[in-house]
Amino acid sequence: MKVDATPWNSCHTLKIPQGRGISSSRRCAKPPWRRRSLSGLSSSASFGATKLEVVVFGDSLLDAGTYSPVAEAKFGGGRFTTNPGLNFTQKVARSFGSELKPAFVGGFGLPLTPAGGQNYAQGGARVTMQPGIDHAAAGTPNADFAEETTIPVKDQVAEFLKAHKRFSPDQLILINGGANDVFFQLAAAQAAGTAAAQQDAIKAIT
């Protein structure tokens, strides 16, 4: 392979005869990425030749459509992204040769039902605790699914292991959580409006 060793930011002056005089022209080398493209790569190239099953746990950043039965009818999409587009977990799955769908769908008045996918993430979920963000208040009829279901990340993993027993070498696991715990604690401290509540929130977050 021939490597162009010319510094991409190097410049030189050309003296070009013109009639009775000489004109000067200053030229700079273009960056290598401007001069040629990488052979064998394209915008649609996959991350690798190995096919992997993508399994996901987390909150709204990773949710592939838990609330889609209602959200699609009202908003034209069921993911926390620019609908009807895919979120990044689904694009990662496609790059490894699979389609990623939610493990369960429901919420907003519908009980969760199995959907056959491997994305267990749910918008509003906290790491270990209920209620999550936008979960129905205690005492609400059918509170578990009256609004967002927000199954905690810990319970999402437990649900997967109950169904599949273990993870396998041909799986890529994506997991995210924690931001909703911060939001929950800060909202509680703000509602209480006391210094003690603020300190309790800081302790819970850290």
Foldseek 3Di string as FASTA:
>chain_A
DDDDPPPQADKDKDWDDDVPRIDIDIDGHHPPVVVDPDPPDDPLAAPDPAAFAEAEFEAQLQAFFQAAVPCCVVPVPRGPDPPPDGHPSQVNNVSRPDGADEQWHAALPGDTDGDPGRHPYFHQAAAADDDGPFQADPPPVVSCRNHTNRDHRVVSVVVVCVVVVDDDPRHDYYYDHQPRLLVVLVVQLVVVVDPVSVVVSVVSSD
